[in-house]
PDB file of N, CA and C in Angstrom:
ATOM      1  N   MET A   1     -11.587  -5.715 -17.298  1.00  0.00           N
ATOM      2  CA  MET A   1     -11.171  -5.725 -18.427  1.00  0.00           C
ATOM      3  C   MET A   1     -10.290  -6.196 -19.663  1.00  0.00           C
ATOM      4  N   ALA A   2     -10.555  -7.098 -20.607  1.00  0.00           N
ATOM      5  CA  ALA A   2      -9.231  -8.033 -20.966  1.00  0.00           C
ATOM      6  C   ALA A   2      -8.796  -7.293 -21.989  1.00  0.00           C
ATOM      7  N   LYS A   3      -7.058  -7.172 -21.867  1.00  0.00           N
ATOM      8  CA  LYS A   3      -6.314  -6.104 -23.470  1.00  0.00           C
ATOM      9  C   LYS A   3      -6.533  -7.331 -24.783  1.00  0.00           C
ATOM     10  N   GLY A   4      -6.009  -8.577 -24.316  1.00  0.00           N
ATOM     11  CA  GLY A   4      -5.844  -9.310 -25.588  1.00  0.00           C
ATOM     12  C   GLY A   4      -6.271 -10.749 -25.429  1.00  0.00           C
ATOM     13  N   LYS A   5      -4.760 -12.022 -24.870  1.00  0.00           N
ATOM     14  CA  LYS A   5      -5.602 -13.488 -24.939  1.00  0.00           C
ATOM     15  C   LYS A   5      -4.527 -13.506 -23.967  1.00  0.00           C
ATOM     16  N   GLY A   6      -6.121 -13.815 -22.763  1.00  0.00           N
ATOM     17  CA  GLY A   6      -5.255 -13.202 -21.159  1.00  0.00           C
ATOM     18  C   GLY A   6      -5.047 -12.313 -20.780  1.00  0.00           C
ATOM     19  N   GLU A   7      -5.300 -11.348 -20.327  1.00  0.00           N
ATOM     20  CA  GLU A   7      -4.107  -9.871 -20.005  1.00  0.00           C
ATOM     21  C   GLU A   7      -5.301  -8.803 -19.518  1.00  0.00           C
ATOM     22  N   PHE A   8      -5.383  -8.303 -18.695  1.00  0.00           N
ATOM     23  CA  PHE A   8      -5.947  -7.243 -18.251  1.00  0.00           C
ATOM     24  C   PHE A   8      -5.013  -5.960 -17.661  1.00  0.00           C
ATOM     25  N   LEU A   9      -6.289  -4.943 -18.059  1.00  0.00           N
ATOM     26  CA  LEU A   9      -5.537  -3.821 -17.453  1.00  0.00           C
ATOM     27  C   LEU A   9      -5.174  -4.250 -15.969  1.00  0.00           C
ATOM     28  N   GLN A  10      -4.128  -3.143 -15.624  1.00  0.00           N
ATOM     29  CA  GLN A  10      -3.475  -3.241 -14.291  1.00  0.00           C
ATOM     30  C   GLN A  10      -3.948  -2.502 -13.281  1.00  0.00           C
ATOM     31  N   GLY A  11      -4.955  -3.482 -12.282  1.00  0.00           N
ATOM     32  CA  GLY A  11      -5.529  -3.237 -10.932  1.00  0.00           C
ATOM     33  C   GLY A  11      -6.748  -4.048 -12.195  1.00  0.00           C
ATOM     34  N   THR A  12      -7.053  -4.247 -13.089  1.00  0.00           N
ATOM     35  CA  THR A  12      -8.510  -4.684 -13.683  1.00  0.00           C
ATOM     36  C   THR A  12      -9.755  -5.629 -12.629  1.00  0.00           C
ATOM     37  N   LEU A  13      -8.080  -6.560 -13.062  1.00  0.00           N
ATOM     38  CA  LEU A  13      -7.530  -8.651 -11.389  1.00  0.00           C
ATOM     39  C   LEU A  13      -8.465  -8.101 -10.159  1.00  0.00           C
ATOM     40  N   ASP A  14      -7.515  -6.987  -9.786  1.00  0.00           N
ATOM     41  CA  ASP A  14      -7.850  -6.805  -8.649  1.00  0.00           C
ATOM     42  C   ASP A  14      -9.177  -6.561  -8.145  1.00  0.00           C
ATOM     43  N   MET A  15      -9.528  -6.234  -8.731  1.00  0.00           N
ATOM     44  CA  MET A  15     -11.191  -5.362  -8.664  1.00  0.00           C
ATOM     45  C   MET A  15     -11.829  -6.210  -8.706  1.00  0.00           C
ATOM     46  N   LEU A  16     -12.109  -6.630  -9.372  1.00  0.00           N
ATOM     47  CA  LEU A  16     -13.126  -8.284  -9.769  1.00  0.00           C
ATOM     48  C   LEU A  16     -12.234  -9.824  -8.849  1.00  0.00           C
ATOM     49  N   ILE A  17     -11.490  -9.419  -8.062  1.00  0.00           N
ATOM     50  CA  ILE A  17     -11.467 -10.367  -7.341  1.00  0.00           C
ATOM     51  C   ILE A  17     -12.447  -9.884  -5.805  1.00  0.00           C
ATOM     52  N   LEU A  18     -12.566  -8.055  -5.380  1.00  0.00           N
ATOM     53  CA  LEU A  18     -12.448  -7.850  -4.313  1.00  0.00           C
ATOM     54  C   LEU A  18     -14.292  -8.554  -4.428  1.00  0.00           C
ATOM     55  N   LYS A  19     -14.644  -7.642  -5.671  1.00  0.00           N
ATOM     56  CA  LYS A  19     -16.420  -7.544  -6.267  1.00  0.00           C
ATOM     57  C   LYS A  19     -16.708  -8.304  -6.670  1.00  0.00           C
ATOM     58  N   THR A  20     -15.831  -9.323  -6.573  1.00  0.00           N
ATOM     59  CA  THR A  20     -16.395 -11.323  -6.402  1.00  0.00           C
ATOM     60  C   THR A  20     -16.468 -12.129  -4.615  1.00  0.00           C
ATOM     61  N   ILE A  21     -15.727 -11.006  -4.055  1.00  0.00           N
ATOM     62  CA  ILE A  21     -15.720 -12.403  -3.042  1.00  0.00           C
ATOM     63  C   ILE A  21     -16.234 -11.324  -1.688  1.00  0.00           C
ATOM     64  N   SER A  22     -17.411 -10.090  -2.071  1.00  0.00           N
ATOM     65  CA  SER A  22     -17.833  -9.138  -1.255  1.00  0.00           C
ATOM     66  C   SER A  22     -19.253  -9.651  -0.854  1.00  0.00           C
ATOM     67  N   TYR A  23     -19.887 -10.420  -1.634  1.00  0.00           N
ATOM     68  CA  TYR A  23     -20.678 -11.494  -1.354  1.00  0.00           C
ATOM     69  C   TYR A  23     -21.256 -12.718   0.162  1.00  0.00           C
ATOM     70  N   ARG A  24     -19.137 -13.263  -0.691  1.00  0.00           N
ATOM     71  CA  ARG A  24     -19.556 -14.599   0.423  1.00  0.00           C
ATOM     72  C   ARG A  24     -17.928 -14.849   0.331  1.00  0.00           C
ATOM     73  N   PRO A  25     -17.375 -15.650   0.844  1.00  0.00           N
ATOM     74  CA  PRO A  25     -15.684 -15.954   0.694  1.00  0.00           C
ATOM     75  C   PRO A  25     -15.910 -17.230  -0.354  1.00  0.00           C
ATOM     76  N   MET A  26     -14.382 -17.697  -1.231  1.00  0.00           N
ATOM     77  CA  MET A  26     -14.653 -18.419  -1.971  1.00  0.00           C
ATOM     78  C   MET A  26     -13.174 -18.729  -2.363  1.00  0.00           C
ATOM     79  N   HIS A  27     -12.956 -19.287  -2.905  1.00  0.00           N
ATOM     80  CA  HIS A  27     -11.907 -20.364  -2.305  1.00  0.00           C
ATOM     81  C   HIS A  27     -11.680 -20.359  -4.827  1.00  0.00           C
ATOM     82  N   GLY A  28      -9.962 -20.381  -4.357  1.00  0.00           N
ATOM     83  CA  GLY A  28      -9.481 -19.390  -5.818  1.00  0.00           C
ATOM     84  C   GLY A  28      -9.856 -20.346  -7.087  1.00  0.00           C
ATOM     85  N   TYR A  29     -10.482 -21.371  -7.583  1.00  0.00           N
ATOM     86  CA  TYR A  29     -11.286 -21.295  -8.397  1.00  0.00           C
ATOM     87  C   TYR A  29     -12.406 -21.172  -8.220  1.00  0.00           C
ATOM     88  N   GLY A  30     -12.864 -21.089  -6.871  1.00  0.00           N
ATOM     89  CA  GLY A  30     -14.111 -19.946  -7.251  1.00  0.00           C
ATOM     90  C   GLY A  30     -14.599 -19.077  -7.806  1.00  0.00           C
ATOM     91  N   ILE A  31     -13.073 -18.173  -7.270  1.00  0.00           N
ATOM     92  CA  ILE A  31     -13.493 -16.692  -8.095  1.00  0.00           C
ATOM     93  C   ILE A  31     -13.280 -16.550  -9.198  1.00  0.00           C
ATOM     94  N   ALA A  32     -12.288 -17.364  -9.904  1.00  0.00           N
ATOM     95  CA  ALA A  32     -12.134 -17.354 -11.198  1.00  0.00           C
ATOM     96  C   ALA A  32     -13.013 -18.116 -12.257  1.00  0.00           C
ATOM     97  N   LEU A  33     -14.239 -18.879 -11.876  1.00  0.00           N
ATOM     98  CA  LEU A  33     -14.888 -19.826 -11.894  1.00  0.00           C
ATOM     99  C   LEU A  33     -16.525 -18.471 -12.417  1.00  0.00           C
ATOM    100  N   ARG A  34     -16.892 -17.341 -10.920  1.00  0.00           N
ATOM    101  CA  ARG A  34     -17.616 -16.234 -10.851  1.00  0.00           C
ATOM    102  C   ARG A  34     -16.738 -15.081 -11.868  1.00  0.00           C
ATOM    103  N   ILE A  35     -15.733 -15.181 -12.260  1.00  0.00           N
ATOM    104  CA  ILE A  35     -15.640 -14.003 -12.660  1.00  0.00           C
ATOM    105  C   ILE A  35     -16.138 -14.656 -14.394  1.00  0.00           C
ATOM    106  N   GLN A  36     -15.456 -15.308 -14.720  1.00  0.00           N
ATOM    107  CA  GLN A  36     -16.148 -15.850 -16.527  1.00  0.00           C
ATOM    108  C   GLN A  36     -17.191 -15.956 -16.287  1.00  0.00           C
ATOM    109  N   GLN A  37     -18.218 -16.836 -15.113  1.00  0.00           N
ATOM    110  CA  GLN A  37     -20.104 -16.798 -15.843  1.00  0.00           C
ATOM    111  C   GLN A  37     -20.204 -14.866 -15.767  1.00  0.00           C
ATOM    112  N   GLU A  38     -19.697 -14.439 -14.434  1.00  0.00           N
ATOM    113  CA  GLU A  38     -20.685 -13.739 -14.803  1.00  0.00           C
ATOM    114  C   GLU A  38     -19.375 -12.217 -16.217  1.00  0.00           C
ATOM    115  N   SER A  39     -19.073 -12.712 -16.248  1.00  0.00           N
ATOM    116  CA  SER A  39     -18.757 -11.612 -18.462  1.00  0.00           C
ATOM    117  C   SER A  39     -19.203 -12.826 -19.155  1.00  0.00           C
ATOM    118  N   ASP A  40     -20.277 -13.529 -18.887  1.00  0.00           N
ATOM    119  CA  ASP A  40     -20.262 -14.621 -20.156  1.00  0.00           C
ATOM    120  C   ASP A  40     -19.623 -15.014 -21.153  1.00  0.00           C
ATOM    121  N   ASP A  41     -18.427 -15.669 -19.960  1.00  0.00           N
ATOM    122  CA  ASP A  41     -17.224 -16.642 -20.631  1.00  0.00           C
ATOM    123  C   ASP A  41     -16.020 -16.156 -21.079  1.00  0.00           C
ATOM    124  N   ILE A  42     -16.297 -14.442 -21.897  1.00  0.00           N
ATOM    125  CA  ILE A  42     -15.533 -13.077 -22.214  1.00  0.00           C
ATOM    126  C   ILE A  42     -14.464 -13.169 -21.412  1.00  0.00           C
ATOM    127  N   LEU A  43     -14.099 -12.655 -19.593  1.00  0.00           N
ATOM    128  CA  LEU A  43     -12.813 -12.916 -19.341  1.00  0.00           C
ATOM    129  C   LEU A  43     -11.836 -14.597 -18.239  1.00  0.00           C
ATOM    130  N   ARG A  44     -11.133 -14.482 -19.198  1.00  0.00           N
ATOM    131  CA  ARG A  44     -11.005 -15.764 -17.684  1.00  0.00           C
ATOM    132  C   ARG A  44     -10.093 -15.817 -17.155  1.00  0.00           C
ATOM    133  N   VAL A  45     -10.388 -16.395 -15.905  1.00  0.00           N
ATOM    134  CA  VAL A  45      -9.025 -15.649 -14.867  1.00  0.00           C
ATOM    135  C   VAL A  45      -8.222 -16.941 -15.338  1.00  0.00           C
ATOM    136  N   GLU A  46      -6.491 -16.738 -15.726  1.00  0.00           N
ATOM    137  CA  GLU A  46      -6.015 -18.365 -15.871  1.00  0.00           C
ATOM    138  C   GLU A  46      -4.752 -18.239 -13.990  1.00  0.00           C
ATOM    139  N   GLU A  47      -4.231 -18.860 -13.357  1.00  0.00           N
ATOM    140  CA  GLU A  47      -3.751 -19.632 -11.776  1.00  0.00           C
ATOM    141  C   GLU A  47      -2.882 -18.250 -11.876  1.00  0.00           C
ATOM    142  N   GLY A  48      -2.086 -18.514 -12.874  1.00  0.00           N
ATOM    143  CA  GLY A  48      -0.537 -18.141 -12.695  1.00  0.00           C
ATOM    144  C   GLY A  48      -1.282 -16.344 -12.831  1.00  0.00           C
ATOM    145  N   ALA A  49      -2.480 -15.942 -12.970  1.00  0.00           N
ATOM    146  CA  ALA A  49      -2.727 -14.619 -12.736  1.00  0.00           C
ATOM    147  C   ALA A  49      -3.306 -14.475 -11.098  1.00  0.00           C
ATOM    148  N   LEU A  50      -4.064 -15.101 -10.507  1.00  0.00           N
ATOM    149  CA  LEU A  50      -4.874 -15.089  -9.896  1.00  0.00           C
ATOM    150  C   LEU A  50      -4.400 -15.566  -8.990  1.00  0.00           C
ATOM    151  N   TYR A  51      -3.141 -16.770  -8.712  1.00  0.00           N
ATOM    152  CA  TYR A  51      -2.802 -16.921  -7.034  1.00  0.00           C
ATOM    153  C   TYR A  51      -1.898 -15.862  -6.492  1.00  0.00           C
ATOM    154  N   PRO A  52      -1.062 -15.478  -7.425  1.00  0.00           N
ATOM    155  CA  PRO A  52      -0.161 -13.439  -7.324  1.00  0.00           C
ATOM    156  C   PRO A  52      -1.294 -12.333  -7.007  1.00  0.00           C
ATOM    157  N   ALA A  53      -2.459 -12.852  -7.215  1.00  0.00           N
ATOM    158  CA  ALA A  53      -3.328 -11.638  -7.288  1.00  0.00           C
ATOM    159  C   ALA A  53      -3.662 -11.484  -5.563  1.00  0.00           C
ATOM    160  N   LEU A  54      -4.067 -12.370  -5.560  1.00  0.00           N
ATOM    161  CA  LEU A  54      -4.862 -13.450  -4.388  1.00  0.00           C
ATOM    162  C   LEU A  54      -3.588 -12.944  -3.370  1.00  0.00           C
ATOM    163  N   TYR A  55      -2.480 -13.595  -3.371  1.00  0.00           N
ATOM    164  CA  TYR A  55      -0.533 -13.133  -2.252  1.00  0.00           C
ATOM    165  C   TYR A  55      -1.011 -12.101  -2.611  1.00  0.00           C
ATOM    166  N   ARG A  56      -1.071 -11.081  -3.166  1.00  0.00           N
ATOM    167  CA  ARG A  56      -0.561  -9.693  -2.724  1.00  0.00           C
ATOM    168  C   ARG A  56      -1.722  -8.983  -2.367  1.00  0.00           C
ATOM    169  N   LEU A  57      -3.000  -9.056  -2.291  1.00  0.00           N
ATOM    170  CA  LEU A  57      -3.626  -8.570  -1.987  1.00  0.00           C
ATOM    171  C   LEU A  57      -4.024  -9.008  -0.912  1.00  0.00           C
ATOM    172  N   GLU A  58      -3.418 -10.217   0.258  1.00  0.00           N
ATOM    173  CA  GLU A  58      -4.359 -10.680   1.183  1.00  0.00           C
ATOM    174  C   GLU A  58      -2.434 -10.023   1.692  1.00  0.00           C
ATOM    175  N   HIS A  59      -1.667  -9.691   0.861  1.00  0.00           N
ATOM    176  CA  HIS A  59      -0.836  -9.195   2.046  1.00  0.00           C
ATOM    177  C   HIS A  59      -1.011  -7.258   2.170  1.00  0.00           C
ATOM    178  N   GLN A  60      -1.848  -6.774   1.102  1.00  0.00           N
ATOM    179  CA  GLN A  60      -2.134  -5.491   1.547  1.00  0.00           C
ATOM    180  C   GLN A  60      -2.942  -5.727   2.577  1.00  0.00           C
ATOM    181  N   GLY A  61      -3.279  -6.457   2.621  1.00  0.00           N
ATOM    182  CA  GLY A  61      -4.525  -6.480   4.071  1.00  0.00           C
ATOM    183  C   GLY A  61      -6.587  -5.791   3.318  1.00  0.00           C
ATOM    184  N   TRP A  62      -6.063  -6.054   1.777  1.00  0.00           N
ATOM    185  CA  TRP A  62      -8.058  -6.165   1.463  1.00  0.00           C
ATOM    186  C   TRP A  62      -9.231  -7.156   1.400  1.00  0.00           C
ATOM    187  N   ILE A  63      -7.642  -8.135   1.705  1.00  0.00           N
ATOM    188  CA  ILE A  63      -8.435  -9.499   1.973  1.00  0.00           C
ATOM    189  C   ILE A  63      -8.114 -10.385   2.808  1.00  0.00           C
ATOM    190  N   ARG A  64      -8.752 -11.654   3.394  1.00  0.00           N
ATOM    191  CA  ARG A  64      -8.411 -12.541   4.344  1.00  0.00           C
ATOM    192  C   ARG A  64      -8.099 -13.882   4.407  1.00  0.00           C
ATOM    193  N   SER A  65      -7.704 -14.832   4.508  1.00  0.00           N
ATOM    194  CA  SER A  65      -7.429 -16.061   3.716  1.00  0.00           C
ATOM    195  C   SER A  65      -8.181 -17.259   5.003  1.00  0.00           C
ATOM    196  N   GLU A  66      -8.784 -17.906   4.956  1.00  0.00           N
ATOM    197  CA  GLU A  66      -9.414 -19.622   6.206  1.00  0.00           C
ATOM    198  C   GLU A  66      -9.294 -19.853   5.462  1.00  0.00           C
ATOM    199  N   TRP A  67      -8.321 -21.503   5.467  1.00  0.00           N
ATOM    200  CA  TRP A  67      -8.519 -23.211   5.202  1.00  0.00           C
ATOM    201  C   TRP A  67     -10.207 -23.449   6.015  1.00  0.00           C
ATOM    202  N   GLY A  68     -10.688 -24.376   4.342  1.00  0.00           N
ATOM    203  CA  GLY A  68     -12.130 -24.630   4.623  1.00  0.00           C
ATOM    204  C   GLY A  68     -12.538 -25.874   3.973  1.00  0.00           C
ATOM    205  N   VAL A  69     -13.581 -26.117   3.976  1.00  0.00           N
ATOM    206  CA  VAL A  69     -13.761 -27.441   2.447  1.00  0.00           C
ATOM    207  C   VAL A  69     -14.302 -27.404   1.728  1.00  0.00           C
ATOM    208  N   SER A  70     -14.266 -27.281   0.938  1.00  0.00           N
ATOM    209  CA  SER A  70     -15.118 -26.921  -0.664  1.00  0.00           C
ATOM    210  C   SER A  70     -16.173 -27.739  -0.516  1.00  0.00           C
ATOM    211  N   ASP A  71     -16.777 -27.818  -1.641  1.00  0.00           N
ATOM    212  CA  ASP A  71     -18.058 -28.249  -1.572  1.00  0.00           C
ATOM    213  C   ASP A  71     -18.063 -29.845  -2.338  1.00  0.00           C
ATOM    214  N   ASN A  72     -16.463 -30.058  -3.010  1.00  0.00           N
ATOM    215  CA  ASN A  72     -16.085 -31.418  -2.777  1.00  0.00           C
ATOM    216  C   ASN A  72     -15.510 -32.470  -2.076  1.00  0.00           C
ATOM    217  N   ASN A  73     -15.309 -31.252  -1.026  1.00  0.00           N
ATOM    218  CA  ASN A  73     -15.163 -32.573  -0.140  1.00  0.00           C
ATOM    219  C   ASN A  73     -13.412 -32.451   0.116  1.00  0.00           C
ATOM    220  N   ARG A  74     -12.578 -31.155  -0.872  1.00  0.00           N
ATOM    221  CA  ARG A  74     -11.336 -30.769  -0.271  1.00  0.00           C
ATOM    222  C   ARG A  74     -11.117 -29.356   0.349  1.00  0.00           C
ATOM    223  N   ARG A  75      -9.724 -29.400   0.825  1.00  0.00           N
ATOM    224  CA  ARG A  75      -9.465 -28.072   1.914  1.00  0.00           C
ATOM    225  C   ARG A  75      -8.806 -27.956   0.746  1.00  0.00           C
ATOM    226  N   ALA A  76      -9.338 -26.295   1.042  1.00  0.00           N
ATOM    227  CA  ALA A  76      -8.723 -25.235   0.198  1.00  0.00           C
ATOM    228  C   ALA A  76      -8.806 -23.931   1.084  1.00  0.00           C
ATOM    229  N   LYS A  77      -8.532 -23.276   0.650  1.00  0.00           N
ATOM    230  CA  LYS A  77      -8.220 -22.085   0.660  1.00  0.00           C
ATOM    231  C   LYS A  77      -9.454 -20.898   0.970  1.00  0.00           C
ATOM    232  N   PHE A  78     -10.273 -20.395   1.799  1.00  0.00           N
ATOM    233  CA  PHE A  78     -11.103 -19.309   0.951  1.00  0.00           C
ATOM    234  C   PHE A  78     -11.088 -17.552   1.258  1.00  0.00           C
ATOM    235  N   TYR A  79     -11.449 -17.156   0.074  1.00  0.00           N
ATOM    236  CA  TYR A  79     -10.574 -15.452   0.686  1.00  0.00           C
ATOM    237  C   TYR A  79     -12.260 -14.574   0.649  1.00  0.00           C
ATOM    238  N   ASN A  80     -11.741 -13.957   1.632  1.00  0.00           N
ATOM    239  CA  ASN A  80     -12.594 -13.349   2.403  1.00  0.00           C
ATOM    240  C   ASN A  80     -12.803 -11.287   2.512  1.00  0.00           C
ATOM    241  N   ILE A  81     -13.019 -10.272   1.933  1.00  0.00           N
ATOM    242  CA  ILE A  81     -13.180  -9.393   2.099  1.00  0.00           C
ATOM    243  C   ILE A  81     -13.036  -8.891   2.875  1.00  0.00           C
ATOM    244  N   THR A  82     -11.962  -7.670   3.245  1.00  0.00           N
ATOM    245  CA  THR A  82     -12.057  -6.486   4.963  1.00  0.00           C
ATOM    246  C   THR A  82     -12.000  -5.132   4.608  1.00  0.00           C
ATOM    247  N   ARG A  83     -12.576  -5.246   5.729  1.00  0.00           N
ATOM    248  CA  ARG A  83     -13.136  -3.633   5.622  1.00  0.00           C
ATOM    249  C   ARG A  83     -12.267  -2.782   4.683  1.00  0.00           C
ATOM    250  N   THR A  84     -11.156  -2.617   5.070  1.00  0.00           N
ATOM    251  CA  THR A  84     -10.007  -1.494   4.039  1.00  0.00           C
ATOM    252  C   THR A  84     -10.398  -2.660   2.688  1.00  0.00           C
ATOM    253  N   GLY A  85     -10.292  -3.271   2.072  1.00  0.00           N
ATOM    254  CA  GLY A  85     -10.551  -3.829   0.851  1.00  0.00           C
ATOM    255  C   GLY A  85     -12.249  -3.954   0.513  1.00  0.00           C
ATOM    256  N   ARG A  86     -12.215  -3.404   1.116  1.00  0.00           N
ATOM    257  CA  ARG A  86     -14.149  -2.676   0.420  1.00  0.00           C
ATOM    258  C   ARG A  86     -13.944  -1.555   0.167  1.00  0.00           C
ATOM    259  N   ALA A  87     -13.361  -0.579   1.011  1.00  0.00           N
ATOM    260  CA  ALA A  87     -13.230   0.504   0.311  1.00  0.00           C
ATOM    261  C   ALA A  87     -12.517   0.397  -0.565  1.00  0.00           C
ATOM    262  N   HIS A  88     -11.406  -0.319  -0.937  1.00  0.00           N
ATOM    263  CA  HIS A  88     -10.221  -0.082  -2.212  1.00  0.00           C
ATOM    264  C   HIS A  88     -11.233  -0.303  -2.925  1.00  0.00           C
ATOM    265  N   ARG A  89     -12.024  -1.429  -3.170  1.00  0.00           N
ATOM    266  CA  ARG A  89     -12.724  -1.842  -3.846  1.00  0.00           C
ATOM    267  C   ARG A  89     -14.364  -1.065  -4.330  1.00  0.00           C
ATOM    268  N   ASP A  90     -14.659   0.329  -3.730  1.00  0.00           N
ATOM    269  CA  ASP A  90     -15.487   1.393  -3.954  1.00  0.00           C
ATOM    270  C   ASP A  90     -14.631   2.276  -4.894  1.00  0.00           C
ATOM    271  N   ALA A  91     -13.244   2.680  -4.118  1.00  0.00           N
ATOM    272  CA  ALA A  91     -12.826   3.808  -4.554  1.00  0.00           C
ATOM    273  C   ALA A  91     -12.412   3.090  -5.973  1.00  0.00           C
ATOM    274  N   GLU A  92     -12.170   2.426  -6.042  1.00  0.00           N
ATOM    275  CA  GLU A  92     -11.106   1.610  -8.101  1.00  0.00           C
ATOM    276  C   GLU A  92     -13.052   1.082  -8.809  1.00  0.00           C
ATOM    277  N   SER A  93     -13.758   1.309  -8.116  1.00  0.00           N
ATOM    278  CA  SER A  93     -15.228   0.896  -9.041  1.00  0.00           C
ATOM    279  C   SER A  93     -15.588   2.296  -9.269  1.00  0.00           C
ATOM    280  N   LYS A  94     -15.558   3.073  -8.302  1.00  0.00           N
ATOM    281  CA  LYS A  94     -15.201   4.783  -9.329  1.00  0.00           C
ATOM    282  C   LYS A  94     -14.836   5.418 -10.268  1.00  0.00           C
ATOM    283  N   SER A  95     -13.909   4.725  -9.890  1.00  0.00           N
ATOM    284  CA  SER A  95     -12.154   4.881 -10.940  1.00  0.00           C
ATOM    285  C   SER A  95     -12.655   4.797 -12.524  1.00  0.00           C
ATOM    286  N   TRP A  96     -12.462   2.541 -11.908  1.00  0.00           N
ATOM    287  CA  TRP A  96     -13.793   2.547 -13.259  1.00  0.00           C
ATOM    288  C   TRP A  96     -15.192   3.614 -14.556  1.00  0.00           C
ATOM    289  N   GLU A  97     -16.088   3.322 -13.776  1.00  0.00           N
ATOM    290  CA  GLU A  97     -16.759   4.459 -14.346  1.00  0.00           C
ATOM    291  C   GLU A  97     -16.564   5.285 -14.691  1.00  0.00           C
ATOM    292  N   ARG A  98     -16.031   6.399 -14.764  1.00  0.00           N
ATOM    293  CA  ARG A  98     -15.381   6.685 -14.814  1.00  0.00           C
ATOM    294  C   ARG A  98     -14.531   6.921 -16.316  1.00  0.00           C
ATOM    295  N   LEU A  99     -13.932   6.356 -16.571  1.00  0.00           N
ATOM    296  CA  LEU A  99     -12.799   5.893 -17.124  1.00  0.00           C
ATOM    297  C   LEU A  99     -13.632   4.657 -17.641  1.00  0.00           C
ATOM    298  N   SER A 100     -14.539   4.312 -18.066  1.00  0.00           N
ATOM    299  CA  SER A 100     -15.266   3.978 -18.325  1.00  0.00           C
ATOM    300  C   SER A 100     -16.865   5.041 -19.649  1.00  0.00           C
ATOM    301  N   ALA A 101     -16.913   5.629 -18.371  1.00  0.00           N
ATOM    302  CA  ALA A 101     -17.295   6.519 -19.351  1.00  0.00           C
ATOM    303  C   ALA A 101     -16.991   7.405 -20.226  1.00  0.00           C
ATOM    304  N   ALA A 102     -16.312   8.060 -20.259  1.00  0.00           N
ATOM    305  CA  ALA A 102     -15.020   8.267 -20.613  1.00  0.00           C
ATOM    306  C   ALA A 102     -14.582   7.903 -22.096  1.00  0.00           C
ATOM    307  N   VAL A 103     -14.047   6.327 -21.441  1.00  0.00           N
ATOM    308  CA  VAL A 103     -13.914   5.585 -23.048  1.00  0.00           C
ATOM    309  C   VAL A 103     -15.436   5.559 -23.721  1.00  0.00           C
ATOM    310  N   SER A 104     -16.374   5.692 -23.487  1.00  0.00           N
ATOM    311  CA  SER A 104     -17.518   5.347 -24.435  1.00  0.00           C
ATOM    312  C   SER A 104     -17.345   6.956 -24.948  1.00  0.00           C
ATOM    313  N   LYS A 105     -18.101   7.495 -24.691  1.00  0.00           N
ATOM    314  CA  LYS A 105     -17.863   9.036 -24.842  1.00  0.00           C
ATOM    315  C   LYS A 105     -16.820   9.529 -26.374  1.00  0.00           C
ATOM    316  N   VAL A 106     -16.010   8.708 -26.312  1.00  0.00           N
ATOM    317  CA  VAL A 106     -14.997   9.065 -27.655  1.00  0.00           C
ATOM    318  C   VAL A 106     -15.305   7.711 -28.311  1.00  0.00           C
ATOM    319  N   THR A 107     -15.866   6.685 -27.673  1.00  0.00           N
ATOM    320  CA  THR A 107     -15.456   5.823 -29.242  1.00  0.00           C
ATOM    321  C   THR A 107     -17.014   5.612 -28.805  1.00  0.00           C
ATOM    322  N   LEU A 108     -18.028   6.252 -29.244  1.00  0.00           N
ATOM    323  CA  LEU A 108     -19.148   6.220 -29.013  1.00  0.00           C
ATOM    324  C   LEU A 108     -19.560   7.455 -30.177  1.00  0.00           C
ATOM    325  N   THR A 109     -18.643   8.454 -30.090  1.00  0.00           N
ATOM    326  CA  THR A 109     -18.675   9.240 -31.239  1.00  0.00           C
ATOM    327  C   THR A 109     -18.732   9.766 -32.414  1.00  0.00           C
ATOM    328  N   GLU A 110     -19.042   9.711 -32.988  1.00  0.00           N
ATOM    329  CA  GLU A 110     -19.620  10.227 -34.131  1.00  0.00           C
ATOM    330  C   GLU A 110     -18.802  11.301 -35.061  1.00  0.00           C
ATOM    331  N   GLU A 111     -17.554  10.425 -35.706  1.00  0.00           N
ATOM    332  CA  GLU A 111     -16.782  11.550 -37.334  1.00  0.00           C
ATOM    333  C   GLU A 111     -17.382  12.102 -37.882  1.00  0.00           C
ATOM    334  N   GLY A 112     -17.124  13.652 -37.390  1.00  0.00           N
ATOM    335  CA  GLY A 112     -17.870  14.974 -37.601  1.00  0.00           C
ATOM    336  C   GLY A 112     -18.995  15.961 -36.918  1.00  0.00           C
ATOM    337  N   ALA A 113     -18.281  14.857 -35.224  1.00  0.00           N
ATOM    338  CA  ALA A 113     -20.003  15.610 -35.242  1.00  0.00           C
ATOM    339  C   ALA A 113     -19.174  16.621 -34.266  1.00  0.00           C
TER     340      ALA A 113
END
């Protein structure tokens, strides 16, 4: 969820990355592009936020990386989610759903109701 121009609520970017690479290994640019496309161009992940997040997630053991070749024949680091990453993603998704539902209740409640 974007807070403002290019800002995310803490933990949201991690969850988006984990969700994005759940389907198949992807390189950094592909992850950012997929998040942007899936959000109908509402969420844009800047390199300055993406690569530190990928490093942090790898350090925590939630993702692993492997060098490969991208679609345009360039060497790229591909990221894949680990078993612990899947467990973390699932827990965070449930938390996000609860938070989202609570915010919706508050914002959609009619005044005086």
